Amino acid sequence: MAFFFEEKSFIAVIGDVKKSRELEKRKEIQDNLKAVLDEINAVYKDDIASNFLITLGDEFQGLLFNGKNVLKMIQKIKMQLYPVELRFGIGIGSISTEINTEMALGADGPGYYNARNAVEVLKKNEKKNKAILSDIRLEDDKGAVTQTVLINTVFELARAIEDGWTDRQREIIWDMLAHQDGQQQAADRLGIAQSSVQKSLAKGQYYTYANALKNVENILACACGSDESTDTI
């Protein structure tokens, strides 16, 4: 099915596997990526204008009506493929061609241009010495410049927090993000004491991290005209 919206803004997402040609078990990684994209297409079908799919070997893209769940989607992909590193470009803008709901392929316009530019900026930053590194970047040529800068700063700070996690902290924090419940429930799932969960969350700056990303997601939820938002943590 295809449709066309005139001058409506969408959220385009382009993802890229870092150093994909150097990875062992590349076929297994691609199969894993396809599986998680299929899951996202099913779980978030009401948010998706054009389904996520792998486009160029180890690159993938999708198109969203709004950004209320975009960071949850990105987090899901990062969790599923870890320890494989990825980069994500988020572009806000219109789409100038017909949109195929079954696959994000062949569509074109400012939304995709912005997402592509965001990915390229991330790549350039990775090659610079003393660059402020991030794995997510937003580009929006029609939005408030200050807001976009602040959102990208949150992504940079979030990456800095993630880089400081131990394997155990990452396991606990990702469990909390995935289930969105309490410390005791996480402890029960992981077979550890609640006090161990609490200590890992505190040392990993979980509540600061999760609240910052939730606030960004609330802003992105309204970026394409949606009036939906959720409370901060």
C-alpha atoms as a PDB file:
ATOM      1  CA  MET A   1       0.000   0.000   0.000  1.00  0.00           C
ATOM      2  CA  ALA A   2       1.285   3.497  -0.863  1.00  0.00           C
ATOM      3  CA  PHE A   3       0.093   6.950   0.134  1.00  0.00           C
ATOM      4  CA  PHE A   4       1.207  10.555  -0.160  1.00  0.00           C
ATOM      5  CA  PHE A   5       1.088  13.405   2.359  1.00  0.00           C
ATOM      6  CA  GLU A   6       1.759  16.945   1.207  1.00  0.00           C
ATOM      7  CA  GLU A   7       4.140  18.856   3.500  1.00  0.00           C
ATOM      8  CA  LYS A   8       3.439  16.703   6.538  1.00  0.00           C
ATOM      9  CA  SER A   9       6.486  16.055   8.681  1.00  0.00           C
ATOM     10  CA  PHE A  10       7.609  12.526   9.439  1.00  0.00           C
ATOM     11  CA  ILE A  11      10.450  11.017  11.433  1.00  0.00           C
ATOM     12  CA  ALA A  12      12.905   9.100   9.271  1.00  0.00           C
ATOM     13  CA  VAL A  13      15.379   6.762  10.955  1.00  0.00           C
ATOM     14  CA  ILE A  14      18.522   5.483   9.266  1.00  0.00           C
ATOM     15  CA  GLY A  15      20.673   3.004  11.171  1.00  0.00           C
ATOM     16  CA  ASP A  16      24.120   1.720  10.334  1.00  0.00           C
ATOM     17  CA  VAL A  17      26.260  -1.123  11.707  1.00  0.00           C
ATOM     18  CA  LYS A  18      29.742   0.188  12.516  1.00  0.00           C
ATOM     19  CA  LYS A  19      32.705  -1.533  10.832  1.00  0.00           C
ATOM     20  CA  SER A  20      30.368  -4.203   9.535  1.00  0.00           C
ATOM     21  CA  ARG A  21      32.853  -5.731   7.098  1.00  0.00           C
ATOM     22  CA  GLU A  22      35.279  -6.411   9.930  1.00  0.00           C
ATOM     23  CA  LEU A  23      32.758  -8.302  12.046  1.00  0.00           C
ATOM     24  CA  GLU A  24      32.816 -12.050  12.500  1.00  0.00           C
ATOM     25  CA  LYS A  25      29.544 -13.932  11.965  1.00  0.00           C
ATOM     26  CA  ARG A  26      28.264 -11.141   9.735  1.00  0.00           C
ATOM     27  CA  LYS A  27      25.424 -13.271   8.345  1.00  0.00           C
ATOM     28  CA  GLU A  28      24.279 -14.090  11.886  1.00  0.00           C
ATOM     29  CA  ILE A  29      24.308 -10.394  12.771  1.00  0.00           C
ATOM     30  CA  GLN A  30      22.235  -9.534   9.683  1.00  0.00           C
ATOM     31  CA  ASP A  31      19.715 -12.264  10.557  1.00  0.00           C
ATOM     32  CA  ASN A  32      19.519 -10.923  14.108  1.00  0.00           C
ATOM     33  CA  LEU A  33      19.004  -7.395  12.785  1.00  0.00           C
ATOM     34  CA  LYS A  34      16.222  -8.509  10.464  1.00  0.00           C
ATOM     35  CA  ALA A  35      14.504 -10.323  13.320  1.00  0.00           C
ATOM     36  CA  VAL A  36      14.499  -7.287  15.611  1.00  0.00           C
ATOM     37  CA  LEU A  37      13.299  -4.988  12.807  1.00  0.00           C
ATOM     38  CA  ASP A  38      10.422  -7.392  12.098  1.00  0.00           C
ATOM     39  CA  GLU A  39       9.549  -7.344  15.796  1.00  0.00           C
ATOM     40  CA  ILE A  40       9.590  -3.540  15.875  1.00  0.00           C
ATOM     41  CA  ASN A  41       7.357  -3.397  12.781  1.00  0.00           C
ATOM     42  CA  ALA A  42       4.829  -5.605  14.571  1.00  0.00           C
ATOM     43  CA  VAL A  43       4.950  -4.045  18.057  1.00  0.00           C
ATOM     44  CA  TYR A  44       4.955  -0.409  16.892  1.00  0.00           C
ATOM     45  CA  LYS A  45       2.814  -0.784  13.768  1.00  0.00           C
ATOM     46  CA  ASP A  46       0.565   2.148  14.724  1.00  0.00           C
ATOM     47  CA  ASP A  47       3.586   4.490  14.826  1.00  0.00           C
ATOM     48  CA  ILE A  48       5.152   3.304  11.590  1.00  0.00           C
ATOM     49  CA  ALA A  49       4.423   4.952   8.245  1.00  0.00           C
ATOM     50  CA  SER A  50       6.804   2.671   6.368  1.00  0.00           C
ATOM     51  CA  ASN A  51       8.231  -0.532   7.784  1.00  0.00           C
ATOM     52  CA  PHE A  52      11.840  -0.858   8.865  1.00  0.00           C
ATOM     53  CA  LEU A  53      13.993  -2.972   6.592  1.00  0.00           C
ATOM     54  CA  ILE A  54      17.623  -3.593   5.761  1.00  0.00           C
ATOM     55  CA  THR A  55      18.509  -1.504   2.700  1.00  0.00           C
ATOM     56  CA  LEU A  56      22.233  -1.554   1.904  1.00  0.00           C
ATOM     57  CA  GLY A  57      23.932  -4.586   3.378  1.00  0.00           C
ATOM     58  CA  ASP A  58      24.293  -3.454   6.992  1.00  0.00           C
ATOM     59  CA  GLU A  59      22.226  -0.269   6.785  1.00  0.00           C
ATOM     60  CA  PHE A  60      18.532  -0.100   7.637  1.00  0.00           C
ATOM     61  CA  GLN A  61      15.789   2.501   7.699  1.00  0.00           C
ATOM     62  CA  GLY A  62      12.177   3.144   8.609  1.00  0.00           C
ATOM     63  CA  LEU A  63       9.659   5.983   8.594  1.00  0.00           C
ATOM     64  CA  LEU A  64       7.488   7.035  11.537  1.00  0.00           C
ATOM     65  CA  PHE A  65       4.383   9.173  11.843  1.00  0.00           C
ATOM     66  CA  ASN A  66       5.785  10.634  15.075  1.00  0.00           C
ATOM     67  CA  GLY A  67       8.662  10.147  17.490  1.00  0.00           C
ATOM     68  CA  LYS A  68       6.840   9.083  20.649  1.00  0.00           C
ATOM     69  CA  ASN A  69       8.467   5.636  20.616  1.00  0.00           C
ATOM     70  CA  VAL A  70      11.522   6.195  18.420  1.00  0.00           C
ATOM     71  CA  LEU A  71      14.039   5.926  21.257  1.00  0.00           C
ATOM     72  CA  LYS A  72      12.404   2.726  22.503  1.00  0.00           C
ATOM     73  CA  MET A  73      12.849   1.291  19.008  1.00  0.00           C
ATOM     74  CA  ILE A  74      16.487   2.356  18.877  1.00  0.00           C
ATOM     75  CA  GLN A  75      17.128   0.962  22.369  1.00  0.00           C
ATOM     76  CA  LYS A  76      15.548  -2.350  21.339  1.00  0.00           C
ATOM     77  CA  ILE A  77      17.861  -2.627  18.339  1.00  0.00           C
ATOM     78  CA  LYS A  78      20.922  -1.733  20.428  1.00  0.00           C
ATOM     79  CA  MET A  79      20.033  -4.345  23.046  1.00  0.00           C
ATOM     80  CA  GLN A  80      19.355  -7.062  20.495  1.00  0.00           C
ATOM     81  CA  LEU A  81      22.628  -6.568  18.605  1.00  0.00           C
ATOM     82  CA  TYR A  82      24.964  -5.803  21.525  1.00  0.00           C
ATOM     83  CA  PRO A  83      27.993  -5.851  21.585  1.00  0.00           C
ATOM     84  CA  VAL A  84      27.799  -4.839  17.900  1.00  0.00           C
ATOM     85  CA  GLU A  85      28.037  -1.048  17.682  1.00  0.00           C
ATOM     86  CA  LEU A  86      25.554   0.993  15.676  1.00  0.00           C
ATOM     87  CA  ARG A  87      24.840   4.594  14.776  1.00  0.00           C
ATOM     88  CA  PHE A  88      21.406   6.129  14.242  1.00  0.00           C
ATOM     89  CA  GLY A  89      20.349   9.229  12.325  1.00  0.00           C
ATOM     90  CA  ILE A  90      16.928  10.698  13.114  1.00  0.00           C
ATOM     91  CA  GLY A  91      15.573  13.145  10.551  1.00  0.00           C
ATOM     92  CA  ILE A  92      12.453  15.276  10.876  1.00  0.00           C
ATOM     93  CA  GLY A  93      10.921  16.563   7.658  1.00  0.00           C
ATOM     94  CA  SER A  94       8.473  16.035   4.845  1.00  0.00           C
ATOM     95  CA  ILE A  95       8.514  13.194   2.319  1.00  0.00           C
ATOM     96  CA  SER A  96       8.272  14.250  -1.302  1.00  0.00           C
ATOM     97  CA  THR A  97       7.449  10.861  -2.862  1.00  0.00           C
ATOM     98  CA  GLU A  98       4.817   8.192  -2.386  1.00  0.00           C
ATOM     99  CA  ILE A  99       5.258   6.198   0.806  1.00  0.00           C
ATOM    100  CA  ASN A 100       5.096   2.424   0.651  1.00  0.00           C
ATOM    101  CA  THR A 101       3.754   1.211   3.967  1.00  0.00           C
ATOM    102  CA  GLU A 102       5.327  -2.224   3.519  1.00  0.00           C
ATOM    103  CA  MET A 103       8.908  -1.015   3.254  1.00  0.00           C
ATOM    104  CA  ALA A 104      10.934   2.169   3.734  1.00  0.00           C
ATOM    105  CA  LEU A 105      12.451   1.964   0.281  1.00  0.00           C
ATOM    106  CA  GLY A 106      12.194   4.385  -2.625  1.00  0.00           C
ATOM    107  CA  ALA A 107      10.789   7.249  -0.560  1.00  0.00           C
ATOM    108  CA  ASP A 108      12.657  10.539  -0.659  1.00  0.00           C
ATOM    109  CA  GLY A 109      12.512  14.022   0.795  1.00  0.00           C
ATOM    110  CA  PRO A 110      13.850  16.276   3.577  1.00  0.00           C
ATOM    111  CA  GLY A 111      13.079  13.752   6.317  1.00  0.00           C
ATOM    112  CA  TYR A 112      15.454  11.223   4.784  1.00  0.00           C
ATOM    113  CA  TYR A 113      18.004  13.885   3.809  1.00  0.00           C
ATOM    114  CA  ASN A 114      18.168  14.959   7.446  1.00  0.00           C
ATOM    115  CA  ALA A 115      18.508  11.393   8.731  1.00  0.00           C
ATOM    116  CA  ARG A 116      21.280  10.700   6.222  1.00  0.00           C
ATOM    117  CA  ASN A 117      23.102  13.892   7.159  1.00  0.00           C
ATOM    118  CA  ALA A 118      22.856  12.943  10.844  1.00  0.00           C
ATOM    119  CA  VAL A 119      24.533   9.580  10.126  1.00  0.00           C
ATOM    120  CA  GLU A 120      27.292  11.260   8.131  1.00  0.00           C
ATOM    121  CA  VAL A 121      27.991  13.737  10.959  1.00  0.00           C
ATOM    122  CA  LEU A 122      28.327  10.823  13.396  1.00  0.00           C
ATOM    123  CA  LYS A 123      30.788   9.114  11.040  1.00  0.00           C
ATOM    124  CA  LYS A 124      32.886  12.272  10.684  1.00  0.00           C
ATOM    125  CA  ASN A 125      32.962  12.808  14.433  1.00  0.00           C
ATOM    126  CA  GLU A 126      34.220   9.261  14.968  1.00  0.00           C
ATOM    127  CA  LYS A 127      37.261  10.047  12.811  1.00  0.00           C
ATOM    128  CA  LYS A 128      38.239  13.169  14.763  1.00  0.00           C
ATOM    129  CA  ASN A 129      40.560  13.232  17.732  1.00  0.00           C
ATOM    130  CA  LYS A 130      38.927  14.448  20.949  1.00  0.00           C
ATOM    131  CA  ALA A 131      35.523  14.444  19.242  1.00  0.00           C
ATOM    132  CA  ILE A 132      32.400  14.299  21.410  1.00  0.00           C
ATOM    133  CA  LEU A 133      31.080  10.902  20.439  1.00  0.00           C
ATOM    134  CA  SER A 134      27.473   9.785  20.223  1.00  0.00           C
ATOM    135  CA  ASP A 135      25.629   6.970  18.485  1.00  0.00           C
ATOM    136  CA  ILE A 136      22.381   8.927  17.903  1.00  0.00           C
ATOM    137  CA  ARG A 137      21.936  12.286  16.210  1.00  0.00           C
ATOM    138  CA  LEU A 138      18.906  14.383  15.287  1.00  0.00           C
ATOM    139  CA  GLU A 139      18.638  16.732  12.308  1.00  0.00           C
ATOM    140  CA  ASP A 140      15.622  18.992  11.764  1.00  0.00           C
ATOM    141  CA  ASP A 141      16.030  21.829   9.270  1.00  0.00           C
ATOM    142  CA  LYS A 142      12.617  23.357  10.081  1.00  0.00           C
ATOM    143  CA  GLY A 143      12.604  23.039  13.858  1.00  0.00           C
ATOM    144  CA  ALA A 144      14.094  25.146  16.600  1.00  0.00           C
ATOM    145  CA  VAL A 145      17.871  25.079  16.273  1.00  0.00           C
ATOM    146  CA  THR A 146      18.397  25.456  20.016  1.00  0.00           C
ATOM    147  CA  GLN A 147      16.085  22.526  20.763  1.00  0.00           C
ATOM    148  CA  THR A 148      17.891  20.294  18.267  1.00  0.00           C
ATOM    149  CA  VAL A 149      21.272  21.199  19.755  1.00  0.00           C
ATOM    150  CA  LEU A 150      20.021  20.420  23.258  1.00  0.00           C
ATOM    151  CA  ILE A 151      18.583  17.056  22.164  1.00  0.00           C
ATOM    152  CA  ASN A 152      21.877  16.096  20.536  1.00  0.00           C
ATOM    153  CA  THR A 153      23.687  17.123  23.712  1.00  0.00           C
ATOM    154  CA  VAL A 154      21.443  14.731  25.666  1.00  0.00           C
ATOM    155  CA  PHE A 155      22.370  11.957  23.214  1.00  0.00           C
ATOM    156  CA  GLU A 156      26.060  12.720  23.751  1.00  0.00           C
ATOM    157  CA  LEU A 157      25.724  12.681  27.531  1.00  0.00           C
ATOM    158  CA  ALA A 158      23.662   9.482  27.400  1.00  0.00           C
ATOM    159  CA  ARG A 159      26.423   7.806  25.392  1.00  0.00           C
ATOM    160  CA  ALA A 160      28.997   8.965  27.958  1.00  0.00           C
ATOM    161  CA  ILE A 161      26.934   7.369  30.729  1.00  0.00           C
ATOM    162  CA  GLU A 162      26.557   4.123  28.750  1.00  0.00           C
ATOM    163  CA  ASP A 163      30.306   3.920  28.192  1.00  0.00           C
ATOM    164  CA  GLY A 164      30.807   3.868  31.958  1.00  0.00           C
ATOM    165  CA  TRP A 165      28.538   0.855  32.581  1.00  0.00           C
ATOM    166  CA  THR A 166      29.934  -2.484  33.663  1.00  0.00           C
ATOM    167  CA  ASP A 167      28.456  -5.592  32.055  1.00  0.00           C
ATOM    168  CA  ARG A 168      26.326  -6.228  35.149  1.00  0.00           C
ATOM    169  CA  GLN A 169      25.070  -2.627  35.274  1.00  0.00           C
ATOM    170  CA  ARG A 170      24.171  -2.798  31.595  1.00  0.00           C
ATOM    171  CA  GLU A 171      22.265  -6.051  32.133  1.00  0.00           C
ATOM    172  CA  ILE A 172      20.236  -4.574  34.981  1.00  0.00           C
ATOM    173  CA  ILE A 173      19.627  -1.205  33.354  1.00  0.00           C
ATOM    174  CA  TRP A 174      18.521  -2.769  30.088  1.00  0.00           C
ATOM    175  CA  ASP A 175      16.171  -5.081  31.970  1.00  0.00           C
ATOM    176  CA  MET A 176      14.619  -2.059  33.683  1.00  0.00           C
ATOM    177  CA  LEU A 177      14.291  -0.192  30.389  1.00  0.00           C
ATOM    178  CA  ALA A 178      12.753  -3.198  28.657  1.00  0.00           C
ATOM    179  CA  HIS A 179      10.158  -3.973  31.341  1.00  0.00           C
ATOM    180  CA  GLN A 180       9.480  -0.512  32.805  1.00  0.00           C
ATOM    181  CA  ASP A 181       8.643  -1.818  36.264  1.00  0.00           C
ATOM    182  CA  GLY A 182      10.377  -1.930  39.647  1.00  0.00           C
ATOM    183  CA  GLN A 183      13.630  -2.980  41.231  1.00  0.00           C
ATOM    184  CA  GLN A 184      12.172  -6.063  42.921  1.00  0.00           C
ATOM    185  CA  GLN A 185      10.703  -7.348  39.655  1.00  0.00           C
ATOM    186  CA  ALA A 186      14.079  -6.870  37.956  1.00  0.00           C
ATOM    187  CA  ALA A 187      15.798  -8.688  40.819  1.00  0.00           C
ATOM    188  CA  ASP A 188      13.367 -11.607  40.494  1.00  0.00           C
ATOM    189  CA  ARG A 189      13.938 -11.877  36.736  1.00  0.00           C
ATOM    190  CA  LEU A 190      17.720 -11.734  37.094  1.00  0.00           C
ATOM    191  CA  GLY A 191      17.915 -13.974  40.165  1.00  0.00           C
ATOM    192  CA  ILE A 192      19.726 -11.428  42.335  1.00  0.00           C
ATOM    193  CA  ALA A 193      18.976  -9.380  45.438  1.00  0.00           C
ATOM    194  CA  GLN A 194      17.000  -6.158  45.177  1.00  0.00           C
ATOM    195  CA  SER A 195      19.861  -4.362  46.894  1.00  0.00           C
ATOM    196  CA  SER A 196      22.182  -5.403  44.050  1.00  0.00           C
ATOM    197  CA  VAL A 197      19.754  -3.917  41.539  1.00  0.00           C
ATOM    198  CA  GLN A 198      19.565  -0.674  43.523  1.00  0.00           C
ATOM    199  CA  LYS A 199      23.335  -0.332  43.736  1.00  0.00           C
ATOM    200  CA  SER A 200      23.816  -0.979  40.023  1.00  0.00           C
ATOM    201  CA  LEU A 201      21.113   1.522  39.073  1.00  0.00           C
ATOM    202  CA  ALA A 202      22.673   4.168  41.302  1.00  0.00           C
ATOM    203  CA  LYS A 203      26.223   3.623  40.053  1.00  0.00           C
ATOM    204  CA  GLY A 204      25.028   3.498  36.454  1.00  0.00           C
ATOM    205  CA  GLN A 205      23.094   6.799  36.790  1.00  0.00           C
ATOM    206  CA  TYR A 206      19.985   4.955  35.600  1.00  0.00           C
ATOM    207  CA  TYR A 207      17.290   7.379  36.727  1.00  0.00           C
ATOM    208  CA  THR A 208      19.087  10.419  35.348  1.00  0.00           C
ATOM    209  CA  TYR A 209      19.759   8.567  32.082  1.00  0.00           C
ATOM    210  CA  ALA A 210      16.229   7.211  31.649  1.00  0.00           C
ATOM    211  CA  ASN A 211      14.560  10.513  32.586  1.00  0.00           C
ATOM    212  CA  ALA A 212      16.683  12.499  30.125  1.00  0.00           C
ATOM    213  CA  LEU A 213      15.801  10.153  27.258  1.00  0.00           C
ATOM    214  CA  LYS A 214      12.137  10.145  28.280  1.00  0.00           C
ATOM    215  CA  ASN A 215      12.084  13.944  28.101  1.00  0.00           C
ATOM    216  CA  VAL A 216      13.647  13.838  24.634  1.00  0.00           C
ATOM    217  CA  GLU A 217      11.068  11.291  23.514  1.00  0.00           C
ATOM    218  CA  ASN A 218       8.275  13.531  24.814  1.00  0.00           C
ATOM    219  CA  ILE A 219       9.617  16.363  22.654  1.00  0.00           C
ATOM    220  CA  LEU A 220       9.907  14.108  19.608  1.00  0.00           C
ATOM    221  CA  ALA A 221       6.353  12.865  20.178  1.00  0.00           C
ATOM    222  CA  CYS A 222       5.150  16.365  19.347  1.00  0.00           C
ATOM    223  CA  ALA A 223       7.582  16.975  16.489  1.00  0.00           C
ATOM    224  CA  CYS A 224       5.136  15.821  13.802  1.00  0.00           C
ATOM    225  CA  GLY A 225       1.985  17.209  15.339  1.00  0.00           C
ATOM    226  CA  SER A 226       1.232  14.479  17.876  1.00  0.00           C
ATOM    227  CA  ASP A 227      -0.172  15.782  21.158  1.00  0.00           C
ATOM    228  CA  GLU A 228       0.704  12.618  23.042  1.00  0.00           C
ATOM    229  CA  SER A 229       3.340  12.662  25.743  1.00  0.00           C
ATOM    230  CA  THR A 230       4.235  10.733  28.858  1.00  0.00           C
ATOM    231  CA  ASP A 231       5.378  11.742  32.287  1.00  0.00           C
ATOM    232  CA  THR A 232       9.033  11.892  33.165  1.00  0.00           C
ATOM    233  CA  ILE A 233      10.465   9.191  35.403  1.00  0.00           C
END
